Amino acid sequence: MKKNRKKLVYISGKITGDDNYKQKFDEAAKLLSDFGFTPINPTVICDPKWTYTKQMHTCLNTLFKCDAIYLLDDWRESRGATAEYYVAECLGIKKLFIKDTKKENKIHFEITF
């Protein structure tokens, strides 16, 4: 019998030029984990001392193995995140969007693929 595994979700967003990128990606990873996904956080899998090319090579190779990509609000401001988006688009990797909606003074999240 095949065991169900959690969906792997790659986090994509602006890193270069964002002093708080680590916190932003960590918060996204926690949110995804809370929803039952296995988050793939590029700030954890890449060494900041690596060249940009090596980081992107590692990130794209990791993205290939994921079930979905979670795009942070600022992804369009990033050359790397834009590349990740287009690779996901070309490969048919689902895009995950988590929308924060307020109803009856409570926060609800809607997940769409």
PDB file of N, CA and C in Angstrom:
ATOM      1  N   MET A   1       0.837  -1.177   0.000  1.00  0.00           N
ATOM      2  CA  MET A   1       0.000   0.000   0.000  1.00  0.00           C
ATOM      3  C   MET A   1       0.886   1.247   0.000  1.00  0.00           C
ATOM      4  N   LYS A   2       0.563   2.191  -0.854  1.00  0.00           N
ATOM      5  CA  LYS A   2       1.361   3.405  -0.981  1.00  0.00           C
ATOM      6  C   LYS A   2       1.069   4.371   0.168  1.00  0.00           C
ATOM      7  N   LYS A   3       2.121   4.808   0.826  1.00  0.00           N
ATOM      8  CA  LYS A   3       1.972   5.737   1.932  1.00  0.00           C
ATOM      9  C   LYS A   3       1.850   7.159   1.386  1.00  0.00           C
ATOM     10  N   ASN A   4       0.855   7.901   1.873  1.00  0.00           N
ATOM     11  CA  ASN A   4       0.701   9.294   1.456  1.00  0.00           C
ATOM     12  C   ASN A   4       1.818  10.125   2.074  1.00  0.00           C
ATOM     13  N   ARG A   5       2.429  10.939   1.262  1.00  0.00           N
ATOM     14  CA  ARG A   5       3.463  11.834   1.772  1.00  0.00           C
ATOM     15  C   ARG A   5       2.957  13.257   1.674  1.00  0.00           C
ATOM     16  N   LYS A   6       3.513  14.104   2.505  1.00  0.00           N
ATOM     17  CA  LYS A   6       3.139  15.508   2.453  1.00  0.00           C
ATOM     18  C   LYS A   6       3.651  16.114   1.148  1.00  0.00           C
ATOM     19  N   LYS A   7       2.892  17.028   0.605  1.00  0.00           N
ATOM     20  CA  LYS A   7       3.295  17.712  -0.623  1.00  0.00           C
ATOM     21  C   LYS A   7       4.492  18.620  -0.343  1.00  0.00           C
ATOM     22  N   LEU A   8       5.490  18.547  -1.228  1.00  0.00           N
ATOM     23  CA  LEU A   8       6.662  19.414  -1.132  1.00  0.00           C
ATOM     24  C   LEU A   8       6.330  20.743  -1.803  1.00  0.00           C
ATOM     25  N   VAL A   9       6.486  21.829  -1.072  1.00  0.00           N
ATOM     26  CA  VAL A   9       6.172  23.158  -1.600  1.00  0.00           C
ATOM     27  C   VAL A   9       7.407  24.043  -1.483  1.00  0.00           C
ATOM     28  N   TYR A  10       7.885  24.495  -2.630  1.00  0.00           N
ATOM     29  CA  TYR A  10       9.061  25.360  -2.719  1.00  0.00           C
ATOM     30  C   TYR A  10       8.636  26.808  -2.478  1.00  0.00           C
ATOM     31  N   ILE A  11       9.344  27.523  -1.631  1.00  0.00           N
ATOM     32  CA  ILE A  11       9.041  28.926  -1.326  1.00  0.00           C
ATOM     33  C   ILE A  11       9.876  29.814  -2.232  1.00  0.00           C
ATOM     34  N   SER A  12       9.224  30.756  -2.900  1.00  0.00           N
ATOM     35  CA  SER A  12       9.910  31.648  -3.829  1.00  0.00           C
ATOM     36  C   SER A  12       9.566  33.098  -3.518  1.00  0.00           C
ATOM     37  N   GLY A  13      10.583  33.930  -3.475  1.00  0.00           N
ATOM     38  CA  GLY A  13      10.380  35.351  -3.203  1.00  0.00           C
ATOM     39  C   GLY A  13      11.691  36.099  -3.269  1.00  0.00           C
ATOM     40  N   LYS A  14      11.612  37.378  -3.004  1.00  0.00           N
ATOM     41  CA  LYS A  14      12.779  38.256  -3.079  1.00  0.00           C
ATOM     42  C   LYS A  14      13.721  37.998  -1.900  1.00  0.00           C
ATOM     43  N   ILE A  15      14.990  37.826  -2.222  1.00  0.00           N
ATOM     44  CA  ILE A  15      16.027  37.671  -1.201  1.00  0.00           C
ATOM     45  C   ILE A  15      17.023  38.828  -1.308  1.00  0.00           C
ATOM     46  N   THR A  16      17.600  38.999  -2.490  1.00  0.00           N
ATOM     47  CA  THR A  16      18.611  40.039  -2.687  1.00  0.00           C
ATOM     48  C   THR A  16      18.011  41.418  -2.422  1.00  0.00           C
ATOM     49  N   GLY A  17      18.674  42.161  -1.553  1.00  0.00           N
ATOM     50  CA  GLY A  17      18.219  43.518  -1.239  1.00  0.00           C
ATOM     51  C   GLY A  17      17.164  43.585  -0.148  1.00  0.00           C
ATOM     52  N   ASP A  18      16.809  42.455   0.437  1.00  0.00           N
ATOM     53  CA  ASP A  18      15.811  42.416   1.513  1.00  0.00           C
ATOM     54  C   ASP A  18      16.504  41.964   2.791  1.00  0.00           C
ATOM     55  N   ASP A  19      16.719  42.890   3.706  1.00  0.00           N
ATOM     56  CA  ASP A  19      17.424  42.573   4.949  1.00  0.00           C
ATOM     57  C   ASP A  19      16.657  41.580   5.829  1.00  0.00           C
ATOM     58  N   ASN A  20      15.349  41.487   5.658  1.00  0.00           N
ATOM     59  CA  ASN A  20      14.524  40.602   6.483  1.00  0.00           C
ATOM     60  C   ASN A  20      14.092  39.331   5.758  1.00  0.00           C
ATOM     61  N   TYR A  21      14.811  38.987   4.694  1.00  0.00           N
ATOM     62  CA  TYR A  21      14.388  37.836   3.888  1.00  0.00           C
ATOM     63  C   TYR A  21      14.324  36.549   4.698  1.00  0.00           C
ATOM     64  N   LYS A  22      15.281  36.340   5.588  1.00  0.00           N
ATOM     65  CA  LYS A  22      15.334  35.098   6.359  1.00  0.00           C
ATOM     66  C   LYS A  22      14.065  34.922   7.193  1.00  0.00           C
ATOM     67  N   GLN A  23      13.668  35.975   7.884  1.00  0.00           N
ATOM     68  CA  GLN A  23      12.464  35.928   8.710  1.00  0.00           C
ATOM     69  C   GLN A  23      11.226  35.686   7.843  1.00  0.00           C
ATOM     70  N   LYS A  24      11.158  36.366   6.703  1.00  0.00           N
ATOM     71  CA  LYS A  24      10.017  36.235   5.794  1.00  0.00           C
ATOM     72  C   LYS A  24       9.885  34.793   5.290  1.00  0.00           C
ATOM     73  N   PHE A  25      10.998  34.185   4.898  1.00  0.00           N
ATOM     74  CA  PHE A  25      10.975  32.814   4.402  1.00  0.00           C
ATOM     75  C   PHE A  25      10.685  31.823   5.526  1.00  0.00           C
ATOM     76  N   ASP A  26      11.225  32.070   6.711  1.00  0.00           N
ATOM     77  CA  ASP A  26      10.954  31.200   7.862  1.00  0.00           C
ATOM     78  C   ASP A  26       9.475  31.233   8.240  1.00  0.00           C
ATOM     79  N   GLU A  27       8.868  32.427   8.198  1.00  0.00           N
ATOM     80  CA  GLU A  27       7.439  32.552   8.503  1.00  0.00           C
ATOM     81  C   GLU A  27       6.602  31.809   7.460  1.00  0.00           C
ATOM     82  N   ALA A  28       6.994  31.915   6.195  1.00  0.00           N
ATOM     83  CA  ALA A  28       6.283  31.201   5.132  1.00  0.00           C
ATOM     84  C   ALA A  28       6.415  29.694   5.331  1.00  0.00           C
ATOM     85  N   ALA A  29       7.594  29.236   5.720  1.00  0.00           N
ATOM     86  CA  ALA A  29       7.809  27.809   5.961  1.00  0.00           C
ATOM     87  C   ALA A  29       6.924  27.315   7.103  1.00  0.00           C
ATOM     88  N   LYS A  30       6.817  28.098   8.156  1.00  0.00           N
ATOM     89  CA  LYS A  30       5.956  27.712   9.280  1.00  0.00           C
ATOM     90  C   LYS A  30       4.495  27.656   8.849  1.00  0.00           C
ATOM     91  N   LEU A  31       4.054  28.644   8.092  1.00  0.00           N
ATOM     92  CA  LEU A  31       2.675  28.667   7.609  1.00  0.00           C
ATOM     93  C   LEU A  31       2.370  27.432   6.767  1.00  0.00           C
ATOM     94  N   LEU A  32       3.261  27.117   5.839  1.00  0.00           N
ATOM     95  CA  LEU A  32       3.067  25.936   4.988  1.00  0.00           C
ATOM     96  C   LEU A  32       3.048  24.660   5.818  1.00  0.00           C
ATOM     97  N   SER A  33       3.938  24.583   6.776  1.00  0.00           N
ATOM     98  CA  SER A  33       3.998  23.421   7.657  1.00  0.00           C
ATOM     99  C   SER A  33       2.702  23.292   8.462  1.00  0.00           C
ATOM    100  N   ASP A  34       2.195  24.420   8.952  1.00  0.00           N
ATOM    101  CA  ASP A  34       0.938  24.415   9.709  1.00  0.00           C
ATOM    102  C   ASP A  34      -0.230  23.905   8.865  1.00  0.00           C
ATOM    103  N   PHE A  35      -0.160  24.116   7.556  1.00  0.00           N
ATOM    104  CA  PHE A  35      -1.208  23.649   6.651  1.00  0.00           C
ATOM    105  C   PHE A  35      -0.979  22.209   6.192  1.00  0.00           C
ATOM    106  N   GLY A  36       0.091  21.572   6.682  1.00  0.00           N
ATOM    107  CA  GLY A  36       0.308  20.163   6.369  1.00  0.00           C
ATOM    108  C   GLY A  36       1.232  19.896   5.193  1.00  0.00           C
ATOM    109  N   PHE A  37       1.891  20.938   4.692  1.00  0.00           N
ATOM    110  CA  PHE A  37       2.839  20.768   3.592  1.00  0.00           C
ATOM    111  C   PHE A  37       4.247  20.599   4.148  1.00  0.00           C
ATOM    112  N   THR A  38       5.142  20.099   3.317  1.00  0.00           N
ATOM    113  CA  THR A  38       6.566  20.091   3.649  1.00  0.00           C
ATOM    114  C   THR A  38       7.197  21.263   2.908  1.00  0.00           C
ATOM    115  N   PRO A  39       7.559  22.328   3.629  1.00  0.00           N
ATOM    116  CA  PRO A  39       8.126  23.499   2.962  1.00  0.00           C
ATOM    117  C   PRO A  39       9.575  23.273   2.570  1.00  0.00           C
ATOM    118  N   ILE A  40       9.926  23.782   1.407  1.00  0.00           N
ATOM    119  CA  ILE A  40      11.310  23.775   0.948  1.00  0.00           C
ATOM    120  C   ILE A  40      11.753  25.229   0.927  1.00  0.00           C
ATOM    121  N   ASN A  41      12.631  25.561   1.847  1.00  0.00           N
ATOM    122  CA  ASN A  41      13.061  26.937   2.069  1.00  0.00           C
ATOM    123  C   ASN A  41      14.449  27.138   1.446  1.00  0.00           C
ATOM    124  N   PRO A  42      14.549  27.933   0.374  1.00  0.00           N
ATOM    125  CA  PRO A  42      15.847  28.125  -0.277  1.00  0.00           C
ATOM    126  C   PRO A  42      16.878  28.817   0.615  1.00  0.00           C
ATOM    127  N   THR A  43      16.438  29.538   1.643  1.00  0.00           N
ATOM    128  CA  THR A  43      17.402  30.187   2.535  1.00  0.00           C
ATOM    129  C   THR A  43      18.070  29.177   3.451  1.00  0.00           C
ATOM    130  N   VAL A  44      17.512  27.975   3.508  1.00  0.00           N
ATOM    131  CA  VAL A  44      18.098  26.908   4.317  1.00  0.00           C
ATOM    132  C   VAL A  44      18.977  25.997   3.462  1.00  0.00           C
ATOM    133  N   ILE A  45      18.573  25.765   2.216  1.00  0.00           N
ATOM    134  CA  ILE A  45      19.313  24.807   1.380  1.00  0.00           C
ATOM    135  C   ILE A  45      20.517  25.432   0.679  1.00  0.00           C
ATOM    136  N   CYS A  46      20.586  26.756   0.653  1.00  0.00           N
ATOM    137  CA  CYS A  46      21.713  27.437  -0.015  1.00  0.00           C
ATOM    138  C   CYS A  46      22.605  28.134   1.002  1.00  0.00           C
ATOM    139  N   ASP A  47      23.882  28.149   0.717  1.00  0.00           N
ATOM    140  CA  ASP A  47      24.856  28.859   1.537  1.00  0.00           C
ATOM    141  C   ASP A  47      25.013  30.266   0.964  1.00  0.00           C
ATOM    142  N   PRO A  48      24.830  31.302   1.785  1.00  0.00           N
ATOM    143  CA  PRO A  48      24.956  32.674   1.280  1.00  0.00           C
ATOM    144  C   PRO A  48      26.342  32.987   0.692  1.00  0.00           C
ATOM    145  N   LYS A  49      27.333  32.158   1.005  1.00  0.00           N
ATOM    146  CA  LYS A  49      28.682  32.373   0.472  1.00  0.00           C
ATOM    147  C   LYS A  49      28.812  31.866  -0.964  1.00  0.00           C
ATOM    148  N   TRP A  50      27.854  31.054  -1.403  1.00  0.00           N
ATOM    149  CA  TRP A  50      27.896  30.548  -2.774  1.00  0.00           C
ATOM    150  C   TRP A  50      27.668  31.673  -3.765  1.00  0.00           C
ATOM    151  N   THR A  51      28.119  31.443  -4.981  1.00  0.00           N
ATOM    152  CA  THR A  51      27.829  32.407  -6.050  1.00  0.00           C
ATOM    153  C   THR A  51      26.333  32.379  -6.357  1.00  0.00           C
ATOM    154  N   TYR A  52      25.849  33.436  -6.960  1.00  0.00           N
ATOM    155  CA  TYR A  52      24.444  33.509  -7.356  1.00  0.00           C
ATOM    156  C   TYR A  52      24.100  32.337  -8.285  1.00  0.00           C
ATOM    157  N   THR A  53      25.006  32.033  -9.206  1.00  0.00           N
ATOM    158  CA  THR A  53      24.773  30.948 -10.161  1.00  0.00           C
ATOM    159  C   THR A  53      24.625  29.609  -9.446  1.00  0.00           C
ATOM    160  N   LYS A  54      25.491  29.332  -8.478  1.00  0.00           N
ATOM    161  CA  LYS A  54      25.408  28.068  -7.748  1.00  0.00           C
ATOM    162  C   LYS A  54      24.118  28.014  -6.929  1.00  0.00           C
ATOM    163  N   GLN A  55      23.735  29.136  -6.328  1.00  0.00           N
ATOM    164  CA  GLN A  55      22.487  29.165  -5.559  1.00  0.00           C
ATOM    165  C   GLN A  55      21.288  28.877  -6.464  1.00  0.00           C
ATOM    166  N   MET A  56      21.232  29.518  -7.624  1.00  0.00           N
ATOM    167  CA  MET A  56      20.109  29.302  -8.539  1.00  0.00           C
ATOM    168  C   MET A  56      20.102  27.875  -9.077  1.00  0.00           C
ATOM    169  N   HIS A  57      21.267  27.329  -9.356  1.00  0.00           N
ATOM    170  CA  HIS A  57      21.361  25.943  -9.820  1.00  0.00           C
ATOM    171  C   HIS A  57      20.774  25.005  -8.772  1.00  0.00           C
ATOM    172  N   THR A  58      21.147  25.215  -7.522  1.00  0.00           N
ATOM    173  CA  THR A  58      20.642  24.393  -6.418  1.00  0.00           C
ATOM    174  C   THR A  58      19.134  24.569  -6.266  1.00  0.00           C
ATOM    175  N   CYS A  59      18.680  25.816  -6.307  1.00  0.00           N
ATOM    176  CA  CYS A  59      17.248  26.092  -6.131  1.00  0.00           C
ATOM    177  C   CYS A  59      16.406  25.485  -7.247  1.00  0.00           C
ATOM    178  N   LEU A  60      16.839  25.658  -8.473  1.00  0.00           N
ATOM    179  CA  LEU A  60      16.068  25.121  -9.596  1.00  0.00           C
ATOM    180  C   LEU A  60      16.052  23.595  -9.575  1.00  0.00           C
ATOM    181  N   ASN A  61      17.171  22.975  -9.259  1.00  0.00           N
ATOM    182  CA  ASN A  61      17.199  21.507  -9.147  1.00  0.00           C
ATOM    183  C   ASN A  61      16.262  21.021  -8.045  1.00  0.00           C
ATOM    184  N   THR A  62      16.166  21.790  -6.974  1.00  0.00           N
ATOM    185  CA  THR A  62      15.250  21.442  -5.880  1.00  0.00           C
ATOM    186  C   THR A  62      13.805  21.640  -6.315  1.00  0.00           C
ATOM    187  N   LEU A  63      13.537  22.727  -7.013  1.00  0.00           N
ATOM    188  CA  LEU A  63      12.184  23.016  -7.488  1.00  0.00           C
ATOM    189  C   LEU A  63      11.641  21.886  -8.358  1.00  0.00           C
ATOM    190  N   PHE A  64      12.508  21.275  -9.167  1.00  0.00           N
ATOM    191  CA  PHE A  64      12.088  20.178 -10.042  1.00  0.00           C
ATOM    192  C   PHE A  64      11.443  19.029  -9.264  1.00  0.00           C
ATOM    193  N   LYS A  65      11.816  18.864  -8.000  1.00  0.00           N
ATOM    194  CA  LYS A  65      11.340  17.746  -7.188  1.00  0.00           C
ATOM    195  C   LYS A  65      10.077  18.080  -6.393  1.00  0.00           C
ATOM    196  N   CYS A  66       9.617  19.323  -6.497  1.00  0.00           N
ATOM    197  CA  CYS A  66       8.496  19.776  -5.672  1.00  0.00           C
ATOM    198  C   CYS A  66       7.148  19.606  -6.368  1.00  0.00           C
ATOM    199  N   ASP A  67       6.116  19.527  -5.552  1.00  0.00           N
ATOM    200  CA  ASP A  67       4.749  19.400  -6.049  1.00  0.00           C
ATOM    201  C   ASP A  67       4.136  20.752  -6.388  1.00  0.00           C
ATOM    202  N   ALA A  68       4.628  21.804  -5.727  1.00  0.00           N
ATOM    203  CA  ALA A  68       4.060  23.137  -5.928  1.00  0.00           C
ATOM    204  C   ALA A  68       5.098  24.188  -5.564  1.00  0.00           C
ATOM    205  N   ILE A  69       4.828  25.409  -5.984  1.00  0.00           N
ATOM    206  CA  ILE A  69       5.659  26.557  -5.628  1.00  0.00           C
ATOM    207  C   ILE A  69       4.756  27.574  -4.936  1.00  0.00           C
ATOM    208  N   TYR A  70       5.219  28.096  -3.814  1.00  0.00           N
ATOM    209  CA  TYR A  70       4.494  29.130  -3.074  1.00  0.00           C
ATOM    210  C   TYR A  70       5.195  30.450  -3.336  1.00  0.00           C
ATOM    211  N   LEU A  71       4.500  31.353  -3.986  1.00  0.00           N
ATOM    212  CA  LEU A  71       5.076  32.635  -4.375  1.00  0.00           C
ATOM    213  C   LEU A  71       4.743  33.699  -3.334  1.00  0.00           C
ATOM    214  N   LEU A  72       5.781  34.244  -2.717  1.00  0.00           N
ATOM    215  CA  LEU A  72       5.580  35.333  -1.769  1.00  0.00           C
ATOM    216  C   LEU A  72       5.154  36.582  -2.532  1.00  0.00           C
ATOM    217  N   ASP A  73       4.554  37.520  -1.829  1.00  0.00           N
ATOM    218  CA  ASP A  73       4.008  38.717  -2.480  1.00  0.00           C
ATOM    219  C   ASP A  73       5.023  39.478  -3.325  1.00  0.00           C
ATOM    220  N   ASP A  74       6.286  39.421  -2.950  1.00  0.00           N
ATOM    221  CA  ASP A  74       7.312  40.224  -3.632  1.00  0.00           C
ATOM    222  C   ASP A  74       8.062  39.460  -4.723  1.00  0.00           C
ATOM    223  N   TRP A  75       7.573  38.314  -5.144  1.00  0.00           N
ATOM    224  CA  TRP A  75       8.326  37.484  -6.085  1.00  0.00           C
ATOM    225  C   TRP A  75       8.633  38.194  -7.388  1.00  0.00           C
ATOM    226  N   ARG A  76       7.770  39.099  -7.816  1.00  0.00           N
ATOM    227  CA  ARG A  76       7.995  39.806  -9.088  1.00  0.00           C
ATOM    228  C   ARG A  76       9.168  40.791  -9.013  1.00  0.00           C
ATOM    229  N   GLU A  77       9.601  41.111  -7.803  1.00  0.00           N
ATOM    230  CA  GLU A  77      10.727  42.031  -7.609  1.00  0.00           C
ATOM    231  C   GLU A  77      12.075  41.313  -7.647  1.00  0.00           C
ATOM    232  N   SER A  78      12.052  40.022  -7.875  1.00  0.00           N
ATOM    233  CA  SER A  78      13.259  39.204  -7.813  1.00  0.00           C
ATOM    234  C   SER A  78      13.526  38.519  -9.147  1.00  0.00           C
ATOM    235  N   ARG A  79      14.733  38.682  -9.636  1.00  0.00           N
ATOM    236  CA  ARG A  79      15.135  38.005 -10.874  1.00  0.00           C
ATOM    237  C   ARG A  79      15.098  36.491 -10.691  1.00  0.00           C
ATOM    238  N   GLY A  80      15.595  36.002  -9.557  1.00  0.00           N
ATOM    239  CA  GLY A  80      15.620  34.569  -9.301  1.00  0.00           C
ATOM    240  C   GLY A  80      14.230  33.982  -9.119  1.00  0.00           C
ATOM    241  N   ALA A  81      13.381  34.665  -8.347  1.00  0.00           N
ATOM    242  CA  ALA A  81      12.020  34.173  -8.126  1.00  0.00           C
ATOM    243  C   ALA A  81      11.219  34.189  -9.426  1.00  0.00           C
ATOM    244  N   THR A  82      11.466  35.186 -10.269  1.00  0.00           N
ATOM    245  CA  THR A  82      10.794  35.243 -11.567  1.00  0.00           C
ATOM    246  C   THR A  82      11.212  34.041 -12.419  1.00  0.00           C
ATOM    247  N   ALA A  83      12.491  33.706 -12.383  1.00  0.00           N
ATOM    248  CA  ALA A  83      12.972  32.528 -13.111  1.00  0.00           C
ATOM    249  C   ALA A  83      12.320  31.262 -12.556  1.00  0.00           C
ATOM    250  N   GLU A  84      12.218  31.167 -11.239  1.00  0.00           N
ATOM    251  CA  GLU A  84      11.589  30.004 -10.615  1.00  0.00           C
ATOM    252  C   GLU A  84      10.121  29.895 -11.037  1.00  0.00           C
ATOM    253  N   TYR A  85       9.440  31.025 -11.090  1.00  0.00           N
ATOM    254  CA  TYR A  85       8.043  31.037 -11.529  1.00  0.00           C
ATOM    255  C   TYR A  85       7.921  30.476 -12.952  1.00  0.00           C
ATOM    256  N   TYR A  86       8.757  30.965 -13.854  1.00  0.00           N
ATOM    257  CA  TYR A  86       8.659  30.527 -15.246  1.00  0.00           C
ATOM    258  C   TYR A  86       9.059  29.062 -15.426  1.00  0.00           C
ATOM    259  N   VAL A  87      10.017  28.599 -14.655  1.00  0.00           N
ATOM    260  CA  VAL A  87      10.380  27.181 -14.705  1.00  0.00           C
ATOM    261  C   VAL A  87       9.192  26.348 -14.224  1.00  0.00           C
ATOM    262  N   ALA A  88       8.576  26.758 -13.121  1.00  0.00           N
ATOM    263  CA  ALA A  88       7.405  26.043 -12.610  1.00  0.00           C
ATOM    264  C   ALA A  88       6.285  26.043 -13.648  1.00  0.00           C
ATOM    265  N   GLU A  89       6.084  27.168 -14.298  1.00  0.00           N
ATOM    266  CA  GLU A  89       5.059  27.290 -15.338  1.00  0.00           C
ATOM    267  C   GLU A  89       5.344  26.325 -16.489  1.00  0.00           C
ATOM    268  N   CYS A  90       6.577  26.293 -16.953  1.00  0.00           N
ATOM    269  CA  CYS A  90       6.954  25.423 -18.076  1.00  0.00           C
ATOM    270  C   CYS A  90       6.829  23.943 -17.732  1.00  0.00           C
ATOM    271  N   LEU A  91       7.111  23.591 -16.483  1.00  0.00           N
ATOM    272  CA  LEU A  91       7.088  22.191 -16.065  1.00  0.00           C
ATOM    273  C   LEU A  91       5.727  21.740 -15.551  1.00  0.00           C
ATOM    274  N   GLY A  92       4.792  22.667 -15.471  1.00  0.00           N
ATOM    275  CA  GLY A  92       3.465  22.312 -14.974  1.00  0.00           C
ATOM    276  C   GLY A  92       3.412  22.115 -13.473  1.00  0.00           C
ATOM    277  N   ILE A  93       4.376  22.690 -12.756  1.00  0.00           N
ATOM    278  CA  ILE A  93       4.363  22.621 -11.292  1.00  0.00           C
ATOM    279  C   ILE A  93       3.274  23.569 -10.802  1.00  0.00           C
ATOM    280  N   LYS A  94       2.430  23.085  -9.919  1.00  0.00           N
ATOM    281  CA  LYS A  94       1.321  23.895  -9.431  1.00  0.00           C
ATOM    282  C   LYS A  94       1.815  25.090  -8.642  1.00  0.00           C
ATOM    283  N   LYS A  95       1.071  26.173  -8.758  1.00  0.00           N
ATOM    284  CA  LYS A  95       1.357  27.374  -7.995  1.00  0.00           C
ATOM    285  C   LYS A  95       0.381  27.425  -6.823  1.00  0.00           C
ATOM    286  N   LEU A  96       0.914  27.614  -5.641  1.00  0.00           N
ATOM    287  CA  LEU A  96       0.108  27.636  -4.429  1.00  0.00           C
ATOM    288  C   LEU A  96      -0.045  29.079  -3.970  1.00  0.00           C
ATOM    289  N   PHE A  97      -1.271  29.469  -3.730  1.00  0.00           N
ATOM    290  CA  PHE A  97      -1.546  30.812  -3.225  1.00  0.00           C
ATOM    291  C   PHE A  97      -2.321  30.668  -1.922  1.00  0.00           C
ATOM    292  N   ILE A  98      -1.893  31.383  -0.917  1.00  0.00           N
ATOM    293  CA  ILE A  98      -2.592  31.375   0.362  1.00  0.00           C
ATOM    294  C   ILE A  98      -3.116  32.782   0.581  1.00  0.00           C
ATOM    295  N   LYS A  99      -4.415  32.895   0.628  1.00  0.00           N
ATOM    296  CA  LYS A  99      -5.053  34.198   0.747  1.00  0.00           C
ATOM    297  C   LYS A  99      -5.574  34.363   2.165  1.00  0.00           C
ATOM    298  N   ASP A 100      -5.208  35.460   2.786  1.00  0.00           N
ATOM    299  CA  ASP A 100      -5.653  35.782   4.135  1.00  0.00           C
ATOM    300  C   ASP A 100      -6.965  36.560   3.999  1.00  0.00           C
ATOM    301  N   THR A 101      -8.029  35.991   4.502  1.00  0.00           N
ATOM    302  CA  THR A 101      -9.319  36.683   4.444  1.00  0.00           C
ATOM    303  C   THR A 101      -9.860  36.822   5.849  1.00  0.00           C
ATOM    304  N   LYS A 102     -10.513  37.931   6.102  1.00  0.00           N
ATOM    305  CA  LYS A 102     -11.088  38.155   7.421  1.00  0.00           C
ATOM    306  C   LYS A 102     -12.602  37.998   7.323  1.00  0.00           C
ATOM    307  N   LYS A 103     -13.135  37.112   8.135  1.00  0.00           N
ATOM    308  CA  LYS A 103     -14.573  36.878   8.196  1.00  0.00           C
ATOM    309  C   LYS A 103     -14.960  36.790   9.660  1.00  0.00           C
ATOM    310  N   GLU A 104     -15.971  37.507  10.023  1.00  0.00           N
ATOM    311  CA  GLU A 104     -16.488  37.455  11.388  1.00  0.00           C
ATOM    312  C   GLU A 104     -15.386  37.656  12.423  1.00  0.00           C
ATOM    313  N   ASN A 105     -14.524  38.645  12.192  1.00  0.00           N
ATOM    314  CA  ASN A 105     -13.424  38.975  13.102  1.00  0.00           C
ATOM    315  C   ASN A 105     -12.452  37.824  13.335  1.00  0.00           C
ATOM    316  N   LYS A 106     -12.408  36.881  12.400  1.00  0.00           N
ATOM    317  CA  LYS A 106     -11.455  35.781  12.472  1.00  0.00           C
ATOM    318  C   LYS A 106     -10.656  35.761  11.181  1.00  0.00           C
ATOM    319  N   ILE A 107      -9.432  35.314  11.264  1.00  0.00           N
ATOM    320  CA  ILE A 107      -8.603  35.189  10.072  1.00  0.00           C
ATOM    321  C   ILE A 107      -8.779  33.784   9.511  1.00  0.00           C
ATOM    322  N   HIS A 108      -9.064  33.713   8.231  1.00  0.00           N
ATOM    323  CA  HIS A 108      -9.193  32.450   7.528  1.00  0.00           C
ATOM    324  C   HIS A 108      -8.184  32.452   6.390  1.00  0.00           C
ATOM    325  N   PHE A 109      -7.726  31.309   6.029  1.00  0.00           N
ATOM    326  CA  PHE A 109      -6.822  31.198   4.894  1.00  0.00           C
ATOM    327  C   PHE A 109      -7.458  30.327   3.830  1.00  0.00           C
ATOM    328  N   GLU A 110      -7.394  30.788   2.618  1.00  0.00           N
ATOM    329  CA  GLU A 110      -7.874  30.008   1.485  1.00  0.00           C
ATOM    330  C   GLU A 110      -6.658  29.542   0.710  1.00  0.00           C
ATOM    331  N   ILE A 111      -6.599  28.270   0.427  1.00  0.00           N
ATOM    332  CA  ILE A 111      -5.487  27.709  -0.349  1.00  0.00           C
ATOM    333  C   ILE A 111      -6.014  27.339  -1.714  1.00  0.00           C
ATOM    334  N   THR A 112      -5.360  27.844  -2.737  1.00  0.00           N
ATOM    335  CA  THR A 112      -5.746  27.486  -4.095  1.00  0.00           C
ATOM    336  C   THR A 112      -4.524  27.044  -4.868  1.00  0.00           C
ATOM    337  N   PHE A 113      -4.733  26.064  -5.719  1.00  0.00           N
ATOM    338  CA  PHE A 113      -3.692  25.603  -6.632  1.00  0.00           C
ATOM    339  C   PHE A 113      -4.048  26.092  -8.005  1.00  0.00           C
TER     340      PHE A 113
END
